[in-house]
Amino acid sequence: MGGLSSAFGSIWATFLDLFDPFCGRFGIFTLFGDGSLLACGVDGWGDEIGFGVKITMALALATLPLGLIIGFLVALAAQSEEKSLRLSAGVYTTIFRGLPELLTIFIIYYGLQMLIQTVLAAIGFEQRIEINAFLAGMAALAIVNSAYSSEVMLSAFRAIPKGQYEAGAALGLSRTKTMLLIVLPQLIRIALPGLNNLWMILLKDTSYISVIGLSEIMRQTGVAARNTKEAFFFYSIACGLYLLLAMLSSFGLSFIDRWAKRSEVGR
């Protein structure tokens, strides 16, 4: 078993050496940063900044589905016939759209730690527990993202004619099947432009998580700037990396948008 793990580890290391976009054999910093502050290895900060980009993307990609799912549930609650659900959805969106993102992150990170510590102390467990910064950041950004995405989805729900629901009932479909087969595909197409904008905002908001110690782009470039006294250089690199991620995201979102429009025409 140990030999198999070692073999997989060797294959993975070779894969990273070849295809790492930053410090791999053909990576950006390997090809263009040699001999500079962006060199990979002990001579530069290429490894650290490349790692920060990966953490930024991982955080955004992990947060997006969670935020969309919560936002969808909040949008459903906001148009529910149950008054308490509508009120709860309204309070939720008002609070988390009104609070600064940075404050929400602090509340989740420190408040959740206090809550867990209190619960553990109540059952006689005195050891201190510290929440992982990645998970806390993901939870905080998902809450903020869901508050905004719920409003986008609620507008999309209201744009779907009531006749679509009635058509599902006339075909003998349950409310769940009507939602999945008739309403949800239309909801996605209508909400897509607004959700695309929220993805771009989410990508930028990952920079806030540096305040609780997560090693994403802003934290890694900040550490490099403080150690080398080259603040303008490294923050310019951060600007370039965020713009690069935004451009790549734009290409991907344009492809999804074209696919959605083709699907609509096909219907």
Protein backbone atom coordinates (compact mmCIF):
# COMPACT_ATOMS: atom_id res chain seq x y z
CA MET A 1 0.00 0.00 0.00
CA GLY A 2 2.87 2.33 0.85
CA GLY A 3 4.49 1.62 -2.52
CA LEU A 4 1.23 2.43 -4.33
CA SER A 5 0.86 5.72 -2.44
CA SER A 6 4.47 6.57 -3.26
CA ALA A 7 3.84 5.87 -6.95
CA PHE A 8 0.75 8.07 -7.01
CA GLY A 9 2.67 10.80 -5.20
CA SER A 10 5.43 10.64 -7.78
CA ILE A 11 2.92 10.82 -10.66
CA TRP A 12 1.17 13.79 -9.04
CA ALA A 13 4.48 15.60 -8.50
CA THR A 14 5.39 15.05 -12.16
CA PHE A 15 1.97 16.32 -13.24
CA LEU A 16 2.38 19.48 -11.18
CA ASP A 17 5.89 20.01 -12.50
CA LEU A 18 4.57 19.91 -16.06
CA PHE A 19 1.21 21.67 -15.80
CA ASP A 20 1.42 24.09 -12.86
CA PRO A 21 0.50 27.38 -14.63
CA PHE A 22 2.77 29.42 -12.37
CA CYS A 23 5.83 27.45 -11.28
CA GLY A 24 5.62 24.35 -13.45
CA ARG A 25 8.13 23.61 -16.16
CA PHE A 26 6.20 25.88 -18.55
CA GLY A 27 4.65 28.13 -15.90
CA ILE A 28 4.41 31.91 -16.20
CA PHE A 29 6.82 32.65 -13.35
CA THR A 30 9.22 29.91 -14.48
CA LEU A 31 9.45 31.32 -18.00
CA PHE A 32 9.32 35.05 -17.29
CA GLY A 33 10.16 35.50 -13.62
CA ASP A 34 13.58 33.89 -13.47
CA GLY A 35 16.09 36.16 -11.74
CA SER A 36 13.37 38.53 -10.50
CA LEU A 37 11.23 38.84 -7.38
CA LEU A 38 8.73 36.51 -9.06
CA ALA A 39 11.18 33.65 -9.46
CA CYS A 40 10.06 30.26 -8.20
CA GLY A 41 11.90 28.62 -5.34
CA VAL A 42 13.90 30.27 -2.57
CA ASP A 43 15.05 33.14 -4.80
CA GLY A 44 11.62 34.71 -5.32
CA TRP A 45 7.95 34.80 -4.41
CA GLY A 46 6.52 32.99 -7.42
CA ASP A 47 5.58 29.84 -5.49
CA GLU A 48 3.77 31.76 -2.76
CA ILE A 49 1.84 34.01 -5.14
CA GLY A 50 0.94 31.08 -7.40
CA PHE A 51 -0.37 29.23 -4.35
CA GLY A 52 -2.41 32.31 -3.42
CA VAL A 53 -4.09 32.35 -6.85
CA LYS A 54 -5.06 28.70 -6.45
CA ILE A 55 -6.52 29.36 -3.00
CA THR A 56 -8.49 32.33 -4.37
CA MET A 57 -9.99 30.22 -7.16
CA ALA A 58 -10.67 27.28 -4.85
CA LEU A 59 -12.45 29.55 -2.37
CA ALA A 60 -14.60 31.21 -5.05
CA LEU A 61 -15.50 27.90 -6.72
CA ALA A 62 -16.33 26.24 -3.39
CA THR A 63 -18.44 29.22 -2.27
CA LEU A 64 -20.48 29.66 -5.48
CA PRO A 65 -22.66 26.50 -5.35
CA LEU A 66 -23.28 26.91 -1.63
CA GLY A 67 -24.32 30.54 -2.09
CA LEU A 68 -26.60 29.66 -5.04
CA ILE A 69 -28.32 26.84 -3.16
CA ILE A 70 -28.97 29.01 -0.10
CA GLY A 71 -30.06 31.89 -2.34
CA PHE A 72 -32.50 29.62 -4.18
CA LEU A 73 -34.03 28.44 -0.89
CA VAL A 74 -34.31 32.03 0.37
CA ALA A 75 -35.99 33.06 -2.92
CA LEU A 76 -38.48 30.20 -2.52
CA ALA A 77 -39.19 31.34 1.03
CA ALA A 78 -39.62 34.95 -0.12
CA GLN A 79 -42.49 33.99 -2.43
CA SER A 80 -44.03 31.41 -0.11
CA GLU A 81 -47.64 31.66 0.97
CA GLU A 82 -46.43 31.24 4.56
CA LYS A 83 -46.04 34.69 6.10
CA SER A 84 -43.33 33.61 8.55
CA LEU A 85 -41.16 32.30 5.70
CA ARG A 86 -41.56 35.53 3.73
CA LEU A 87 -40.68 37.56 6.79
CA SER A 88 -37.63 35.41 7.57
CA ALA A 89 -36.38 35.70 3.98
CA GLY A 90 -36.83 39.48 4.06
CA VAL A 91 -34.93 39.80 7.35
CA TYR A 92 -32.12 37.56 6.07
CA THR A 93 -31.56 39.50 2.84
CA THR A 94 -31.86 42.88 4.59
CA ILE A 95 -29.25 41.99 7.20
CA PHE A 96 -26.62 40.42 4.96
CA ARG A 97 -27.00 42.92 2.13
CA GLY A 98 -26.75 45.75 4.66
CA LEU A 99 -23.70 44.54 6.59
CA PRO A 100 -20.22 45.16 5.14
CA GLU A 101 -18.67 41.91 3.90
CA LEU A 102 -15.69 42.39 6.21
CA LEU A 103 -17.95 42.60 9.26
CA THR A 104 -19.81 39.45 8.21
CA ILE A 105 -16.49 37.61 7.93
CA PHE A 106 -15.48 38.70 11.45
CA ILE A 107 -18.86 37.71 12.88
CA ILE A 108 -18.72 34.24 11.29
CA TYR A 109 -15.06 33.60 12.10
CA TYR A 110 -14.93 34.85 15.68
CA GLY A 111 -18.58 34.43 16.61
CA LEU A 112 -18.72 30.83 15.44
CA GLN A 113 -15.57 30.03 17.40
CA MET A 114 -17.12 31.52 20.53
CA LEU A 115 -20.32 29.54 19.99
CA ILE A 116 -18.48 26.26 19.51
CA GLN A 117 -16.26 26.96 22.52
CA THR A 118 -19.28 27.73 24.69
CA VAL A 119 -21.05 24.53 23.65
CA LEU A 120 -17.94 22.44 24.28
CA ALA A 121 -17.37 24.07 27.67
CA ALA A 122 -20.96 23.24 28.61
CA ILE A 123 -20.27 19.54 28.06
CA GLY A 124 -16.95 19.68 29.92
CA PHE A 125 -14.53 19.96 26.98
CA GLU A 126 -12.12 22.81 27.74
CA GLN A 127 -9.63 22.50 24.87
CA ARG A 128 -9.60 25.53 22.55
CA ILE A 129 -10.90 24.96 19.03
CA GLU A 130 -9.92 27.21 16.12
CA ILE A 131 -12.03 27.28 12.96
CA ASN A 132 -10.27 26.77 9.65
CA ALA A 133 -9.97 30.13 7.85
CA PHE A 134 -10.92 28.61 4.48
CA LEU A 135 -14.16 27.13 5.84
CA ALA A 136 -15.04 30.28 7.76
CA GLY A 137 -14.38 32.40 4.67
CA MET A 138 -16.44 30.08 2.51
CA ALA A 139 -19.36 30.24 4.96
CA ALA A 140 -19.22 34.04 5.25
CA LEU A 141 -18.98 34.68 1.51
CA ALA A 142 -21.70 32.10 0.81
CA ILE A 143 -24.05 33.94 3.18
CA VAL A 144 -23.35 37.30 1.54
CA ASN A 145 -23.58 35.83 -1.96
CA SER A 146 -26.86 34.07 -1.14
CA ALA A 147 -28.44 37.30 0.09
CA TYR A 148 -27.80 38.94 -3.29
CA SER A 149 -28.44 35.88 -5.45
CA SER A 150 -31.81 35.35 -3.74
CA GLU A 151 -32.94 38.76 -4.98
CA VAL A 152 -31.81 37.92 -8.52
CA MET A 153 -33.64 34.60 -8.40
CA LEU A 154 -36.75 36.17 -6.87
CA SER A 155 -36.92 38.60 -9.79
CA ALA A 156 -36.53 35.65 -12.17
CA PHE A 157 -39.32 33.76 -10.41
CA ARG A 158 -41.62 36.74 -10.83
CA ALA A 159 -40.77 36.95 -14.53
CA ILE A 160 -42.04 33.40 -15.16
CA PRO A 161 -45.78 33.48 -16.05
CA LYS A 162 -48.12 31.71 -13.64
CA GLY A 163 -49.41 29.78 -16.63
CA GLN A 164 -46.19 27.74 -16.55
CA TYR A 165 -47.09 26.40 -13.11
CA GLU A 166 -50.65 25.75 -14.23
CA ALA A 167 -49.40 23.89 -17.30
CA GLY A 168 -47.39 21.58 -15.06
CA ALA A 169 -50.43 20.89 -12.92
CA ALA A 170 -52.52 20.24 -16.05
CA LEU A 171 -49.97 17.64 -17.17
CA GLY A 172 -50.32 15.88 -13.84
CA LEU A 173 -46.88 16.87 -12.58
CA SER A 174 -46.25 17.30 -8.88
CA ARG A 175 -45.09 20.69 -7.61
CA THR A 176 -41.56 19.33 -7.29
CA LYS A 177 -41.47 18.01 -10.87
CA THR A 178 -43.03 21.22 -12.15
CA MET A 179 -40.25 23.17 -10.44
CA LEU A 180 -37.46 20.90 -11.74
CA LEU A 181 -38.70 20.33 -15.30
CA ILE A 182 -40.53 23.53 -16.18
CA VAL A 183 -39.68 26.40 -13.86
CA LEU A 184 -36.01 25.83 -13.01
CA PRO A 185 -34.68 25.78 -16.63
CA GLN A 186 -36.44 29.10 -17.30
CA LEU A 187 -35.27 30.51 -13.98
CA ILE A 188 -31.62 29.78 -14.82
CA ARG A 189 -31.84 31.50 -18.22
CA ILE A 190 -33.54 34.59 -16.81
CA ALA A 191 -31.28 34.89 -13.76
CA LEU A 192 -28.02 34.12 -15.57
CA PRO A 193 -26.92 37.71 -16.38
CA GLY A 194 -27.38 38.79 -12.76
CA LEU A 195 -25.68 35.67 -11.42
CA ASN A 196 -22.74 36.27 -13.77
CA ASN A 197 -22.22 39.68 -12.16
CA LEU A 198 -22.39 38.12 -8.70
CA TRP A 199 -19.64 35.66 -9.65
CA MET A 200 -17.35 38.55 -10.56
CA ILE A 201 -18.14 40.24 -7.24
CA LEU A 202 -17.52 36.99 -5.37
CA LEU A 203 -14.15 36.60 -7.06
CA LYS A 204 -13.10 40.03 -5.79
CA ASP A 205 -14.61 39.52 -2.34
CA THR A 206 -12.25 36.61 -1.70
CA SER A 207 -9.60 39.25 -0.98
CA TYR A 208 -11.39 40.07 2.29
CA ILE A 209 -10.57 36.63 3.67
CA SER A 210 -6.91 37.65 4.00
CA VAL A 211 -7.87 39.43 7.24
CA ILE A 212 -8.43 36.07 8.99
CA GLY A 213 -5.17 34.59 7.75
CA LEU A 214 -6.07 32.75 4.55
CA SER A 215 -3.13 32.71 2.14
CA GLU A 216 -4.90 33.96 -0.98
CA ILE A 217 -3.64 36.53 -3.49
CA MET A 218 -3.88 39.63 -1.30
CA ARG A 219 -2.25 38.04 1.73
CA GLN A 220 0.62 36.50 -0.25
CA THR A 221 1.38 39.67 -2.19
CA GLY A 222 1.09 41.66 1.06
CA VAL A 223 3.62 39.41 2.80
CA ALA A 224 5.95 39.71 -0.19
CA ALA A 225 5.54 43.50 -0.22
CA ARG A 226 6.38 43.82 3.49
CA ASN A 227 9.42 41.57 3.27
CA THR A 228 10.92 43.09 0.14
CA LYS A 229 9.73 46.72 0.61
CA GLU A 230 8.46 46.55 -2.99
CA ALA A 231 4.82 47.31 -2.25
CA PHE A 232 3.97 48.94 -5.58
CA PHE A 233 5.45 46.05 -7.55
CA PHE A 234 3.65 43.27 -5.70
CA TYR A 235 0.30 45.06 -5.46
CA SER A 236 0.55 45.72 -9.19
CA ILE A 237 1.05 41.97 -9.63
CA ALA A 238 -2.09 41.41 -7.50
CA CYS A 239 -4.00 43.81 -9.77
CA GLY A 240 -2.81 41.93 -12.84
CA LEU A 241 -3.80 38.55 -11.38
CA TYR A 242 -7.30 39.69 -10.43
CA LEU A 243 -7.76 41.20 -13.89
CA LEU A 244 -6.53 37.96 -15.46
CA LEU A 245 -9.02 35.92 -13.42
CA ALA A 246 -11.78 38.37 -14.36
CA MET A 247 -10.93 38.08 -18.07
CA LEU A 248 -10.86 34.29 -17.95
CA SER A 249 -14.16 34.32 -16.06
CA SER A 250 -15.65 36.61 -18.71
CA PHE A 251 -14.77 34.11 -21.44
CA GLY A 252 -16.30 31.27 -19.45
CA LEU A 253 -19.44 33.25 -18.60
CA SER A 254 -19.85 34.33 -22.24
CA PHE A 255 -19.72 30.68 -23.29
CA ILE A 256 -22.38 29.75 -20.71
CA ASP A 257 -24.54 32.67 -21.81
CA ARG A 258 -24.32 31.64 -25.48
CA TRP A 259 -25.16 28.05 -24.53
CA ALA A 260 -28.22 29.21 -22.59
CA LYS A 261 -29.42 31.35 -25.51
CA ARG A 262 -28.95 28.46 -27.97
CA SER A 263 -30.93 26.25 -25.64
CA GLU A 264 -33.70 28.83 -25.55
CA VAL A 265 -33.79 29.14 -29.33
CA GLY A 266 -33.88 25.35 -29.63
CA ARG A 267 -37.04 25.29 -27.57
